[in-house]
Amino acid sequence: MKTSLIAVGAVVAALLSSPASAAEKLVVSTWGGSFRDLIADTVGKKFTAETGVEVEYITGGTIDRLNKAKLAKGSPESDITFTTSHVGFLYVADNLFEKLDEAKIPNAANLVKEAKVSPYHLGTWGYVYTIGYRADLTPKDIKFDSWADLWNPKLKDSLAAPDFDPSHIITVAALLSGGSAADWQKGEKKLLELKPNFKAYYTNDANSQQLIATGETPVQVMLSMNAYYMIGQGVPITVATPKEGGVLGVDTVGIMSGSKKQELAYKFINMALDPAVQGEVAKLKKGSPTVTNAKVDAETAKLPGVLTTADQWGKQILIDPKLRAEKTAEWRKWFAENMMGK
């Protein structure tokens, strides 16, 4: 009897120490709302099904989560963090991300080059900031074939752009003026010429959606994924394809320094880059797959702003994410003082 009890006890102890035990969990830091749901419904679901490990999500804004991570340095509250490519460099600068061993992420072999952001964080999906507009509320002769069409005087008091990240329109103005993000000052004069066309500056995705749904700002510098969400809600938005390309954005993932669940974290990241998971991200959220072997349905693949080939990725406007991280504060200050100010 005593021997049997010992055997039972050993089995119970083994179960409790197993990675698949109910007590074990992987903590993921991400944005809230539909982005949290997207991760949970795709990679999170697959991860738990295959490992038995539950995923806990902590959510918040991009910069809020960065600041919390700085305060918790060395003892992170999450094992994995999703953030934008340029903010990821701020994590790297503060030694908040582990250097990744790509041998533990076999699916990373199929990443497009734009998604190989750094040795510390990799792209999980892409998107463009482009021109989204209400054809029912804008002049019929403006088709937005070029970013330059935003400067049409007929669009006075029609335009909105994000106040939290002016890098898109700053870079576009620089390009149209013969410059680039690196010498963005070349576009200052052109940016000031656009000021009469601005009606509002949106503070977050929800604010952007509200402004275009009501028609208060029928033209926006808009996240393509948000535009398609609103189209799904019945708002008649057209996603433009300017000849210069959209401004490319990449959301990324990294493993937090000090995480005690690194092996599980590697499994999670590898599953995030699984071709089938990437196809689901494209279908559900119209995010661009970052792996070239993603299984994307034909209807999704043909949408403007959904990038499914390396060639399409290469035709977008790419702001070097490290430069962007370095310049964001400077750009926001200039934009607030010169564009948003009276």
C-alpha atoms as a PDB file:
ATOM      1  CA  MET A   1       0.000   0.000   0.000  1.00  0.00           C
ATOM      2  CA  LYS A   2       2.803   2.348   0.950  1.00  0.00           C
ATOM      3  CA  THR A   3       4.567   1.560  -2.358  1.00  0.00           C
ATOM      4  CA  SER A   4       1.372   2.363  -4.281  1.00  0.00           C
ATOM      5  CA  LEU A   5       1.003   5.687  -2.512  1.00  0.00           C
ATOM      6  CA  ILE A   6       4.573   6.574  -3.324  1.00  0.00           C
ATOM      7  CA  ALA A   7       3.980   5.699  -6.987  1.00  0.00           C
ATOM      8  CA  VAL A   8       0.814   7.807  -7.105  1.00  0.00           C
ATOM      9  CA  GLY A   9       2.640  10.681  -5.464  1.00  0.00           C
ATOM     10  CA  ALA A  10       5.396  10.493  -8.061  1.00  0.00           C
ATOM     11  CA  VAL A  11       2.853  10.631 -10.898  1.00  0.00           C
ATOM     12  CA  VAL A  12       1.115  13.662  -9.345  1.00  0.00           C
ATOM     13  CA  ALA A  13       4.435  15.437  -8.867  1.00  0.00           C
ATOM     14  CA  ALA A  14       5.387  14.746 -12.477  1.00  0.00           C
ATOM     15  CA  LEU A  15       2.082  16.143 -13.719  1.00  0.00           C
ATOM     16  CA  LEU A  16       2.442  19.282 -11.640  1.00  0.00           C
ATOM     17  CA  SER A  17       5.939  19.905 -12.956  1.00  0.00           C
ATOM     18  CA  SER A  18       4.962  19.289 -16.584  1.00  0.00           C
ATOM     19  CA  PRO A  19       5.014  22.252 -19.017  1.00  0.00           C
ATOM     20  CA  ALA A  20       1.437  21.387 -19.890  1.00  0.00           C
ATOM     21  CA  SER A  21       0.201  21.686 -16.327  1.00  0.00           C
ATOM     22  CA  ALA A  22      -2.613  24.094 -15.635  1.00  0.00           C
ATOM     23  CA  ALA A  23      -0.341  26.106 -13.354  1.00  0.00           C
ATOM     24  CA  GLU A  24       2.032  27.055 -16.176  1.00  0.00           C
ATOM     25  CA  LYS A  25       1.308  29.981 -18.448  1.00  0.00           C
ATOM     26  CA  LEU A  26       3.026  32.213 -20.958  1.00  0.00           C
ATOM     27  CA  VAL A  27       2.462  35.937 -20.513  1.00  0.00           C
ATOM     28  CA  VAL A  28       2.180  38.067 -23.645  1.00  0.00           C
ATOM     29  CA  SER A  29       2.184  41.874 -23.712  1.00  0.00           C
ATOM     30  CA  THR A  30       0.246  43.397 -26.586  1.00  0.00           C
ATOM     31  CA  TRP A  31      -2.211  46.060 -27.610  1.00  0.00           C
ATOM     32  CA  GLY A  32      -5.782  45.629 -26.439  1.00  0.00           C
ATOM     33  CA  GLY A  33      -9.010  45.249 -28.361  1.00  0.00           C
ATOM     34  CA  SER A  34      -9.008  43.586 -31.752  1.00  0.00           C
ATOM     35  CA  PHE A  35      -5.224  43.202 -31.852  1.00  0.00           C
ATOM     36  CA  ARG A  36      -5.240  41.223 -28.615  1.00  0.00           C
ATOM     37  CA  ASP A  37      -8.092  39.115 -29.995  1.00  0.00           C
ATOM     38  CA  LEU A  38      -6.217  38.570 -33.253  1.00  0.00           C
ATOM     39  CA  ILE A  39      -3.198  37.114 -31.444  1.00  0.00           C
ATOM     40  CA  ALA A  40      -5.383  35.031 -29.114  1.00  0.00           C
ATOM     41  CA  ASP A  41      -7.521  33.626 -31.937  1.00  0.00           C
ATOM     42  CA  THR A  42      -4.597  32.655 -34.162  1.00  0.00           C
ATOM     43  CA  VAL A  43      -1.200  31.937 -32.618  1.00  0.00           C
ATOM     44  CA  GLY A  44      -2.454  31.804 -29.019  1.00  0.00           C
ATOM     45  CA  LYS A  45      -5.060  29.194 -29.840  1.00  0.00           C
ATOM     46  CA  LYS A  46      -2.550  27.050 -31.749  1.00  0.00           C
ATOM     47  CA  PHE A  47       0.070  27.417 -29.010  1.00  0.00           C
ATOM     48  CA  THR A  48      -2.231  26.210 -26.239  1.00  0.00           C
ATOM     49  CA  ALA A  49      -3.573  23.352 -28.376  1.00  0.00           C
ATOM     50  CA  GLU A  50      -0.082  22.079 -29.103  1.00  0.00           C
ATOM     51  CA  THR A  51       1.645  22.712 -25.750  1.00  0.00           C
ATOM     52  CA  GLY A  52      -1.199  22.646 -23.218  1.00  0.00           C
ATOM     53  CA  VAL A  53       0.141  25.927 -21.821  1.00  0.00           C
ATOM     54  CA  GLU A  54      -2.344  28.757 -21.333  1.00  0.00           C
ATOM     55  CA  VAL A  55      -1.568  32.256 -22.559  1.00  0.00           C
ATOM     56  CA  GLU A  56      -2.237  35.306 -20.409  1.00  0.00           C
ATOM     57  CA  TYR A  57      -2.427  38.686 -22.123  1.00  0.00           C
ATOM     58  CA  ILE A  58      -1.535  42.021 -20.579  1.00  0.00           C
ATOM     59  CA  THR A  59      -2.555  44.968 -22.721  1.00  0.00           C
ATOM     60  CA  GLY A  60      -1.902  48.658 -23.080  1.00  0.00           C
ATOM     61  CA  GLY A  61      -0.650  51.400 -25.359  1.00  0.00           C
ATOM     62  CA  THR A  62       2.680  51.122 -27.144  1.00  0.00           C
ATOM     63  CA  ILE A  63       4.571  53.674 -25.051  1.00  0.00           C
ATOM     64  CA  ASP A  64       2.772  52.867 -21.797  1.00  0.00           C
ATOM     65  CA  ARG A  65       3.929  49.262 -22.056  1.00  0.00           C
ATOM     66  CA  LEU A  66       7.474  50.351 -22.873  1.00  0.00           C
ATOM     67  CA  ASN A  67       7.585  52.556 -19.773  1.00  0.00           C
ATOM     68  CA  LYS A  68       6.257  49.724 -17.596  1.00  0.00           C
ATOM     69  CA  ALA A  69       8.887  47.386 -19.027  1.00  0.00           C
ATOM     70  CA  LYS A  70      11.627  49.872 -18.128  1.00  0.00           C
ATOM     71  CA  LEU A  71      10.402  49.997 -14.530  1.00  0.00           C
ATOM     72  CA  ALA A  72      10.310  46.190 -14.335  1.00  0.00           C
ATOM     73  CA  LYS A  73      13.714  45.719 -15.989  1.00  0.00           C
ATOM     74  CA  GLY A  74      15.240  42.356 -15.088  1.00  0.00           C
ATOM     75  CA  SER A  75      11.973  41.008 -13.726  1.00  0.00           C
ATOM     76  CA  PRO A  76       9.499  41.457 -16.601  1.00  0.00           C
ATOM     77  CA  GLU A  77       5.783  40.930 -16.148  1.00  0.00           C
ATOM     78  CA  SER A  78       5.579  39.406 -19.635  1.00  0.00           C
ATOM     79  CA  ASP A  79       7.618  36.776 -21.446  1.00  0.00           C
ATOM     80  CA  ILE A  80       6.882  38.112 -24.926  1.00  0.00           C
ATOM     81  CA  THR A  81       6.106  41.609 -26.153  1.00  0.00           C
ATOM     82  CA  PHE A  82       4.447  42.710 -29.371  1.00  0.00           C
ATOM     83  CA  THR A  83       5.312  46.251 -30.418  1.00  0.00           C
ATOM     84  CA  THR A  84       6.015  48.289 -33.538  1.00  0.00           C
ATOM     85  CA  SER A  85       9.331  47.870 -35.307  1.00  0.00           C
ATOM     86  CA  HIS A  86      10.673  51.289 -34.344  1.00  0.00           C
ATOM     87  CA  VAL A  87       9.553  51.164 -30.704  1.00  0.00           C
ATOM     88  CA  GLY A  88      11.186  47.729 -30.586  1.00  0.00           C
ATOM     89  CA  PHE A  89      14.514  49.521 -30.998  1.00  0.00           C
ATOM     90  CA  LEU A  90      13.749  51.466 -27.813  1.00  0.00           C
ATOM     91  CA  TYR A  91      13.356  48.120 -26.022  1.00  0.00           C
ATOM     92  CA  VAL A  92      16.672  47.019 -27.518  1.00  0.00           C
ATOM     93  CA  ALA A  93      18.417  50.233 -26.452  1.00  0.00           C
ATOM     94  CA  ASP A  94      17.357  49.591 -22.844  1.00  0.00           C
ATOM     95  CA  ASN A  95      18.412  45.921 -22.973  1.00  0.00           C
ATOM     96  CA  LEU A  96      14.812  44.799 -22.495  1.00  0.00           C
ATOM     97  CA  PHE A  97      14.844  42.195 -25.287  1.00  0.00           C
ATOM     98  CA  GLU A  98      16.860  38.979 -25.454  1.00  0.00           C
ATOM     99  CA  LYS A  99      18.988  38.405 -28.538  1.00  0.00           C
ATOM    100  CA  LEU A 100      17.093  35.825 -30.577  1.00  0.00           C
ATOM    101  CA  ASP A 101      18.466  32.445 -31.585  1.00  0.00           C
ATOM    102  CA  GLU A 102      16.870  31.997 -35.008  1.00  0.00           C
ATOM    103  CA  ALA A 103      17.809  28.321 -34.995  1.00  0.00           C
ATOM    104  CA  LYS A 104      14.930  27.984 -32.516  1.00  0.00           C
ATOM    105  CA  ILE A 105      12.579  29.773 -34.933  1.00  0.00           C
ATOM    106  CA  PRO A 106      12.684  27.647 -38.100  1.00  0.00           C
ATOM    107  CA  ASN A 107       9.792  29.551 -39.685  1.00  0.00           C
ATOM    108  CA  ALA A 108      11.958  32.696 -39.607  1.00  0.00           C
ATOM    109  CA  ALA A 109      13.846  31.282 -42.589  1.00  0.00           C
ATOM    110  CA  ASN A 110      10.936  32.446 -44.767  1.00  0.00           C
ATOM    111  CA  LEU A 111      10.765  36.030 -43.502  1.00  0.00           C
ATOM    112  CA  VAL A 112      10.805  38.878 -45.994  1.00  0.00           C
ATOM    113  CA  LYS A 113      13.873  41.038 -45.453  1.00  0.00           C
ATOM    114  CA  GLU A 114      11.795  43.959 -44.128  1.00  0.00           C
ATOM    115  CA  ALA A 115      10.595  41.720 -41.274  1.00  0.00           C
ATOM    116  CA  LYS A 116      14.116  40.848 -40.141  1.00  0.00           C
ATOM    117  CA  VAL A 117      14.087  44.033 -38.132  1.00  0.00           C
ATOM    118  CA  SER A 118      16.934  43.300 -35.707  1.00  0.00           C
ATOM    119  CA  PRO A 119      18.635  40.382 -33.933  1.00  0.00           C
ATOM    120  CA  TYR A 120      16.221  41.097 -31.071  1.00  0.00           C
ATOM    121  CA  HIS A 121      12.798  41.477 -32.698  1.00  0.00           C
ATOM    122  CA  LEU A 122      11.134  40.062 -35.793  1.00  0.00           C
ATOM    123  CA  GLY A 123       8.114  41.118 -37.831  1.00  0.00           C
ATOM    124  CA  THR A 124       4.853  39.229 -37.306  1.00  0.00           C
ATOM    125  CA  TRP A 125       2.674  41.127 -39.787  1.00  0.00           C
ATOM    126  CA  GLY A 126       2.895  44.235 -41.903  1.00  0.00           C
ATOM    127  CA  TYR A 127       0.574  46.986 -43.082  1.00  0.00           C
ATOM    128  CA  VAL A 128       0.712  50.335 -44.775  1.00  0.00           C
ATOM    129  CA  TYR A 129      -0.339  53.783 -43.779  1.00  0.00           C
ATOM    130  CA  THR A 130      -1.936  55.054 -46.938  1.00  0.00           C
ATOM    131  CA  ILE A 131      -4.778  57.311 -48.061  1.00  0.00           C
ATOM    132  CA  GLY A 132      -8.212  56.102 -47.006  1.00  0.00           C
ATOM    133  CA  TYR A 133     -11.104  58.185 -48.281  1.00  0.00           C
ATOM    134  CA  ARG A 134     -14.860  58.426 -48.606  1.00  0.00           C
ATOM    135  CA  ALA A 135     -15.544  58.590 -52.333  1.00  0.00           C
ATOM    136  CA  ASP A 136     -19.122  59.618 -51.496  1.00  0.00           C
ATOM    137  CA  LEU A 137     -17.866  62.734 -49.680  1.00  0.00           C
ATOM    138  CA  THR A 138     -14.858  63.849 -51.735  1.00  0.00           C
ATOM    139  CA  PRO A 139     -14.558  65.540 -55.151  1.00  0.00           C
ATOM    140  CA  LYS A 140     -15.099  63.002 -57.913  1.00  0.00           C
ATOM    141  CA  ASP A 141     -12.063  64.176 -59.902  1.00  0.00           C
ATOM    142  CA  ILE A 142      -9.583  63.305 -57.117  1.00  0.00           C
ATOM    143  CA  LYS A 143      -8.526  59.654 -57.266  1.00  0.00           C
ATOM    144  CA  PHE A 144      -5.486  59.783 -54.948  1.00  0.00           C
ATOM    145  CA  ASP A 145      -3.140  58.143 -57.439  1.00  0.00           C
ATOM    146  CA  SER A 146      -0.307  60.010 -55.731  1.00  0.00           C
ATOM    147  CA  TRP A 147       0.368  61.300 -52.225  1.00  0.00           C
ATOM    148  CA  ALA A 148       0.600  64.725 -53.881  1.00  0.00           C
ATOM    149  CA  ASP A 149      -3.199  64.651 -54.324  1.00  0.00           C
ATOM    150  CA  LEU A 150      -3.585  65.348 -50.595  1.00  0.00           C
ATOM    151  CA  TRP A 151      -2.423  68.893 -51.321  1.00  0.00           C
ATOM    152  CA  ASN A 152      -5.368  69.608 -53.656  1.00  0.00           C
ATOM    153  CA  PRO A 153      -7.046  72.852 -52.464  1.00  0.00           C
ATOM    154  CA  LYS A 154     -10.449  71.196 -52.974  1.00  0.00           C
ATOM    155  CA  LEU A 155      -9.700  69.145 -49.842  1.00  0.00           C
ATOM    156  CA  LYS A 156      -9.631  72.114 -47.481  1.00  0.00           C
ATOM    157  CA  ASP A 157     -10.774  71.072 -43.958  1.00  0.00           C
ATOM    158  CA  SER A 158     -11.102  67.414 -45.026  1.00  0.00           C
ATOM    159  CA  LEU A 159      -7.985  65.625 -43.837  1.00  0.00           C
ATOM    160  CA  ALA A 160      -6.959  63.768 -40.671  1.00  0.00           C
ATOM    161  CA  ALA A 161      -3.698  62.091 -39.648  1.00  0.00           C
ATOM    162  CA  PRO A 162      -2.399  60.614 -36.396  1.00  0.00           C
ATOM    163  CA  ASP A 163      -1.110  63.066 -33.798  1.00  0.00           C
ATOM    164  CA  PHE A 164       0.873  60.344 -32.009  1.00  0.00           C
ATOM    165  CA  ASP A 165       3.027  59.464 -35.026  1.00  0.00           C
ATOM    166  CA  PRO A 166       3.513  62.063 -37.776  1.00  0.00           C
ATOM    167  CA  SER A 167       6.357  60.077 -39.354  1.00  0.00           C
ATOM    168  CA  HIS A 168       4.202  58.990 -42.308  1.00  0.00           C
ATOM    169  CA  ILE A 169       3.221  62.417 -43.608  1.00  0.00           C
ATOM    170  CA  ILE A 170       6.596  63.921 -42.664  1.00  0.00           C
ATOM    171  CA  THR A 171       8.382  61.308 -44.771  1.00  0.00           C
ATOM    172  CA  VAL A 172       5.939  61.663 -47.667  1.00  0.00           C
ATOM    173  CA  ALA A 173       6.398  65.454 -47.721  1.00  0.00           C
ATOM    174  CA  ALA A 174      10.165  64.988 -47.694  1.00  0.00           C
ATOM    175  CA  LEU A 175      10.025  62.490 -50.583  1.00  0.00           C
ATOM    176  CA  LEU A 176       7.800  64.796 -52.635  1.00  0.00           C
ATOM    177  CA  SER A 177      10.356  67.548 -51.996  1.00  0.00           C
ATOM    178  CA  GLY A 178      13.343  65.512 -53.124  1.00  0.00           C
ATOM    179  CA  GLY A 179      14.393  64.368 -49.659  1.00  0.00           C
ATOM    180  CA  SER A 180      13.905  61.404 -47.340  1.00  0.00           C
ATOM    181  CA  ALA A 181      13.190  60.607 -43.716  1.00  0.00           C
ATOM    182  CA  ALA A 182      16.869  61.191 -42.934  1.00  0.00           C
ATOM    183  CA  ASP A 183      16.767  64.764 -44.256  1.00  0.00           C
ATOM    184  CA  TRP A 184      13.104  65.353 -43.508  1.00  0.00           C
ATOM    185  CA  GLN A 185      13.578  69.119 -43.148  1.00  0.00           C
ATOM    186  CA  LYS A 186      13.447  69.345 -46.953  1.00  0.00           C
ATOM    187  CA  GLY A 187       9.718  68.696 -46.675  1.00  0.00           C
ATOM    188  CA  GLU A 188       8.923  71.330 -44.034  1.00  0.00           C
ATOM    189  CA  LYS A 189       7.684  73.925 -46.523  1.00  0.00           C
ATOM    190  CA  LYS A 190       5.473  71.395 -48.287  1.00  0.00           C
ATOM    191  CA  LEU A 191       4.040  70.198 -44.970  1.00  0.00           C
ATOM    192  CA  LEU A 192       3.066  73.733 -44.046  1.00  0.00           C
ATOM    193  CA  GLU A 193       1.313  74.046 -47.403  1.00  0.00           C
ATOM    194  CA  LEU A 194      -0.849  71.057 -46.410  1.00  0.00           C
ATOM    195  CA  LYS A 195      -2.010  72.675 -43.171  1.00  0.00           C
ATOM    196  CA  PRO A 196      -5.240  74.236 -44.605  1.00  0.00           C
ATOM    197  CA  ASN A 197      -6.477  70.797 -45.653  1.00  0.00           C
ATOM    198  CA  PHE A 198      -6.307  69.390 -42.123  1.00  0.00           C
ATOM    199  CA  LYS A 199      -9.538  69.228 -40.149  1.00  0.00           C
ATOM    200  CA  ALA A 200      -8.386  67.037 -37.248  1.00  0.00           C
ATOM    201  CA  TYR A 201      -5.590  64.919 -35.833  1.00  0.00           C
ATOM    202  CA  TYR A 202      -6.730  61.606 -34.424  1.00  0.00           C
ATOM    203  CA  THR A 203      -5.406  60.264 -31.137  1.00  0.00           C
ATOM    204  CA  ASN A 204      -5.898  56.509 -31.616  1.00  0.00           C
ATOM    205  CA  ASP A 205      -7.453  53.910 -33.911  1.00  0.00           C
ATOM    206  CA  ALA A 206     -10.938  54.323 -32.450  1.00  0.00           C
ATOM    207  CA  ASN A 207     -10.796  58.099 -32.983  1.00  0.00           C
ATOM    208  CA  SER A 208      -9.665  57.577 -36.585  1.00  0.00           C
ATOM    209  CA  GLN A 209     -12.563  55.217 -37.206  1.00  0.00           C
ATOM    210  CA  GLN A 210     -15.087  57.624 -35.702  1.00  0.00           C
ATOM    211  CA  LEU A 211     -13.875  60.602 -37.727  1.00  0.00           C
ATOM    212  CA  ILE A 212     -14.128  58.823 -41.067  1.00  0.00           C
ATOM    213  CA  ALA A 213     -17.358  56.989 -40.232  1.00  0.00           C
ATOM    214  CA  THR A 214     -19.144  60.262 -39.446  1.00  0.00           C
ATOM    215  CA  GLY A 215     -17.609  61.956 -42.470  1.00  0.00           C
ATOM    216  CA  GLU A 216     -16.029  64.703 -40.370  1.00  0.00           C
ATOM    217  CA  THR A 217     -12.705  63.869 -42.031  1.00  0.00           C
ATOM    218  CA  PRO A 218     -13.523  62.079 -45.290  1.00  0.00           C
ATOM    219  CA  VAL A 219      -9.821  61.759 -46.128  1.00  0.00           C
ATOM    220  CA  GLN A 220      -7.217  60.257 -43.808  1.00  0.00           C
ATOM    221  CA  VAL A 221      -3.635  59.149 -43.623  1.00  0.00           C
ATOM    222  CA  MET A 222      -4.915  55.817 -42.400  1.00  0.00           C
ATOM    223  CA  LEU A 223      -3.764  52.397 -41.218  1.00  0.00           C
ATOM    224  CA  SER A 224      -4.839  49.926 -43.899  1.00  0.00           C
ATOM    225  CA  MET A 225      -5.947  47.351 -41.321  1.00  0.00           C
ATOM    226  CA  ASN A 226      -8.279  49.934 -39.746  1.00  0.00           C
ATOM    227  CA  ALA A 227      -9.679  50.889 -43.135  1.00  0.00           C
ATOM    228  CA  TYR A 228     -10.617  47.275 -43.869  1.00  0.00           C
ATOM    229  CA  TYR A 229     -12.140  46.887 -40.416  1.00  0.00           C
ATOM    230  CA  MET A 230     -14.377  49.891 -41.098  1.00  0.00           C
ATOM    231  CA  ILE A 231     -15.276  48.588 -44.551  1.00  0.00           C
ATOM    232  CA  GLY A 232     -16.409  45.428 -42.801  1.00  0.00           C
ATOM    233  CA  GLN A 233     -18.619  47.605 -40.595  1.00  0.00           C
ATOM    234  CA  GLY A 234     -20.319  49.058 -43.666  1.00  0.00           C
ATOM    235  CA  VAL A 235     -18.412  52.342 -44.005  1.00  0.00           C
ATOM    236  CA  PRO A 236     -17.709  53.005 -47.727  1.00  0.00           C
ATOM    237  CA  ILE A 237     -13.952  53.648 -47.560  1.00  0.00           C
ATOM    238  CA  THR A 238     -11.679  53.355 -50.562  1.00  0.00           C
ATOM    239  CA  VAL A 239      -8.085  52.326 -49.861  1.00  0.00           C
ATOM    240  CA  ALA A 240      -5.833  54.203 -52.259  1.00  0.00           C
ATOM    241  CA  THR A 241      -2.621  52.913 -53.804  1.00  0.00           C
ATOM    242  CA  PRO A 242      -0.404  55.968 -54.350  1.00  0.00           C
ATOM    243  CA  LYS A 243       2.209  55.450 -57.056  1.00  0.00           C
ATOM    244  CA  GLU A 244       4.934  56.216 -54.506  1.00  0.00           C
ATOM    245  CA  GLY A 245       3.736  53.310 -52.348  1.00  0.00           C
ATOM    246  CA  GLY A 246       2.211  53.216 -48.885  1.00  0.00           C
ATOM    247  CA  VAL A 247       4.298  53.940 -45.815  1.00  0.00           C
ATOM    248  CA  LEU A 248       5.283  50.497 -44.584  1.00  0.00           C
ATOM    249  CA  GLY A 249       4.715  49.468 -40.980  1.00  0.00           C
ATOM    250  CA  VAL A 250       5.719  46.232 -39.281  1.00  0.00           C
ATOM    251  CA  ASP A 251       4.509  44.935 -35.927  1.00  0.00           C
ATOM    252  CA  THR A 252       7.116  42.816 -34.219  1.00  0.00           C
ATOM    253  CA  VAL A 253       7.679  40.393 -31.369  1.00  0.00           C
ATOM    254  CA  GLY A 254      10.575  39.928 -28.952  1.00  0.00           C
ATOM    255  CA  ILE A 255      11.410  37.879 -25.864  1.00  0.00           C
ATOM    256  CA  MET A 256      11.791  39.873 -22.684  1.00  0.00           C
ATOM    257  CA  SER A 257      15.167  39.829 -20.947  1.00  0.00           C
ATOM    258  CA  GLY A 258      14.786  37.909 -17.711  1.00  0.00           C
ATOM    259  CA  SER A 259      11.894  35.746 -18.918  1.00  0.00           C
ATOM    260  CA  LYS A 260      11.985  32.316 -17.324  1.00  0.00           C
ATOM    261  CA  LYS A 261       9.869  30.821 -20.127  1.00  0.00           C
ATOM    262  CA  GLN A 262      12.228  31.314 -23.028  1.00  0.00           C
ATOM    263  CA  GLU A 263      11.788  27.895 -24.601  1.00  0.00           C
ATOM    264  CA  LEU A 264       8.020  28.352 -24.602  1.00  0.00           C
ATOM    265  CA  ALA A 265       8.500  31.884 -25.930  1.00  0.00           C
ATOM    266  CA  TYR A 266      10.477  30.537 -28.877  1.00  0.00           C
ATOM    267  CA  LYS A 267       7.699  28.050 -29.627  1.00  0.00           C
ATOM    268  CA  PHE A 268       5.139  30.867 -29.540  1.00  0.00           C
ATOM    269  CA  ILE A 269       7.148  33.041 -31.928  1.00  0.00           C
ATOM    270  CA  ASN A 270       7.730  30.148 -34.313  1.00  0.00           C
ATOM    271  CA  MET A 271       3.985  29.457 -34.348  1.00  0.00           C
ATOM    272  CA  ALA A 272       3.312  33.148 -35.029  1.00  0.00           C
ATOM    273  CA  LEU A 273       5.338  32.744 -38.231  1.00  0.00           C
ATOM    274  CA  ASP A 274       3.615  29.517 -39.249  1.00  0.00           C
ATOM    275  CA  PRO A 275       2.292  29.864 -42.831  1.00  0.00           C
ATOM    276  CA  ALA A 276      -1.257  28.874 -41.843  1.00  0.00           C
ATOM    277  CA  VAL A 277      -1.323  31.270 -38.881  1.00  0.00           C
ATOM    278  CA  GLN A 278      -0.018  34.063 -41.098  1.00  0.00           C
ATOM    279  CA  GLY A 279      -2.797  33.344 -43.566  1.00  0.00           C
ATOM    280  CA  GLU A 280      -5.360  33.626 -40.780  1.00  0.00           C
ATOM    281  CA  VAL A 281      -3.924  37.007 -39.728  1.00  0.00           C
ATOM    282  CA  ALA A 282      -4.323  38.196 -43.307  1.00  0.00           C
ATOM    283  CA  LYS A 283      -7.883  36.901 -43.519  1.00  0.00           C
ATOM    284  CA  LEU A 284      -9.079  38.196 -40.143  1.00  0.00           C
ATOM    285  CA  LYS A 285      -7.283  41.553 -39.934  1.00  0.00           C
ATOM    286  CA  LYS A 286      -5.904  42.163 -43.432  1.00  0.00           C
ATOM    287  CA  GLY A 287      -2.381  42.206 -42.059  1.00  0.00           C
ATOM    288  CA  SER A 288       0.369  41.433 -44.541  1.00  0.00           C
ATOM    289  CA  PRO A 289       2.112  38.092 -43.906  1.00  0.00           C
ATOM    290  CA  THR A 290       5.800  38.438 -43.113  1.00  0.00           C
ATOM    291  CA  VAL A 291       6.673  34.967 -44.416  1.00  0.00           C
ATOM    292  CA  THR A 292       6.734  34.293 -48.127  1.00  0.00           C
ATOM    293  CA  ASN A 293       5.090  30.866 -47.842  1.00  0.00           C
ATOM    294  CA  ALA A 294       1.927  32.104 -46.081  1.00  0.00           C
ATOM    295  CA  LYS A 295      -1.338  30.598 -47.235  1.00  0.00           C
ATOM    296  CA  VAL A 296      -3.439  33.651 -48.136  1.00  0.00           C
ATOM    297  CA  ASP A 297      -6.816  33.320 -49.831  1.00  0.00           C
ATOM    298  CA  ALA A 298      -7.164  34.976 -53.230  1.00  0.00           C
ATOM    299  CA  GLU A 299      -9.782  37.554 -52.163  1.00  0.00           C
ATOM    300  CA  THR A 300      -7.567  38.867 -49.368  1.00  0.00           C
ATOM    301  CA  ALA A 301      -4.385  38.794 -51.439  1.00  0.00           C
ATOM    302  CA  LYS A 302      -5.804  41.156 -54.065  1.00  0.00           C
ATOM    303  CA  LEU A 303      -6.693  43.931 -51.588  1.00  0.00           C
ATOM    304  CA  PRO A 304      -4.666  47.163 -51.815  1.00  0.00           C
ATOM    305  CA  GLY A 305      -2.223  47.359 -48.932  1.00  0.00           C
ATOM    306  CA  VAL A 306      -2.129  43.605 -48.335  1.00  0.00           C
ATOM    307  CA  LEU A 307       1.389  42.534 -49.312  1.00  0.00           C
ATOM    308  CA  THR A 308       1.874  38.885 -50.206  1.00  0.00           C
ATOM    309  CA  THR A 309       5.137  38.886 -52.177  1.00  0.00           C
ATOM    310  CA  ALA A 310       8.645  40.145 -51.514  1.00  0.00           C
ATOM    311  CA  ASP A 311       8.276  42.404 -54.581  1.00  0.00           C
ATOM    312  CA  GLN A 312       5.180  44.095 -53.121  1.00  0.00           C
ATOM    313  CA  TRP A 313       6.956  44.675 -49.815  1.00  0.00           C
ATOM    314  CA  GLY A 314       9.877  46.247 -51.628  1.00  0.00           C
ATOM    315  CA  LYS A 315       7.694  48.769 -53.451  1.00  0.00           C
ATOM    316  CA  GLN A 316       6.462  50.482 -50.280  1.00  0.00           C
ATOM    317  CA  ILE A 317       7.981  53.523 -48.568  1.00  0.00           C
ATOM    318  CA  LEU A 318      10.234  52.160 -45.846  1.00  0.00           C
ATOM    319  CA  ILE A 319      11.311  54.419 -42.996  1.00  0.00           C
ATOM    320  CA  ASP A 320      14.342  52.836 -41.372  1.00  0.00           C
ATOM    321  CA  PRO A 321      12.902  51.749 -37.999  1.00  0.00           C
ATOM    322  CA  LYS A 322      16.063  52.570 -36.056  1.00  0.00           C
ATOM    323  CA  LEU A 323      16.121  56.083 -37.533  1.00  0.00           C
ATOM    324  CA  ARG A 324      12.427  56.375 -36.813  1.00  0.00           C
ATOM    325  CA  ALA A 325      12.990  55.467 -33.171  1.00  0.00           C
ATOM    326  CA  GLU A 326      15.664  58.129 -32.923  1.00  0.00           C
ATOM    327  CA  LYS A 327      13.619  60.832 -34.668  1.00  0.00           C
ATOM    328  CA  THR A 328      10.118  60.214 -33.294  1.00  0.00           C
ATOM    329  CA  ALA A 329      10.366  62.710 -30.417  1.00  0.00           C
ATOM    330  CA  GLU A 330      11.848  65.370 -32.695  1.00  0.00           C
ATOM    331  CA  TRP A 331       9.198  64.812 -35.344  1.00  0.00           C
ATOM    332  CA  ARG A 332       6.343  64.899 -32.843  1.00  0.00           C
ATOM    333  CA  LYS A 333       7.624  68.169 -31.360  1.00  0.00           C
ATOM    334  CA  TRP A 334       7.947  69.860 -34.751  1.00  0.00           C
ATOM    335  CA  PHE A 335       4.551  68.582 -35.890  1.00  0.00           C
ATOM    336  CA  ALA A 336       2.781  69.692 -32.717  1.00  0.00           C
ATOM    337  CA  GLU A 337       4.305  73.164 -32.861  1.00  0.00           C
ATOM    338  CA  ASN A 338       4.020  73.821 -36.583  1.00  0.00           C
ATOM    339  CA  MET A 339       1.075  71.781 -37.858  1.00  0.00           C
ATOM    340  CA  MET A 340      -1.254  71.298 -34.913  1.00  0.00           C
ATOM    341  CA  GLY A 341      -0.555  74.648 -33.303  1.00  0.00           C
ATOM    342  CA  LYS A 342      -2.439  77.763 -34.269  1.00  0.00           C
END
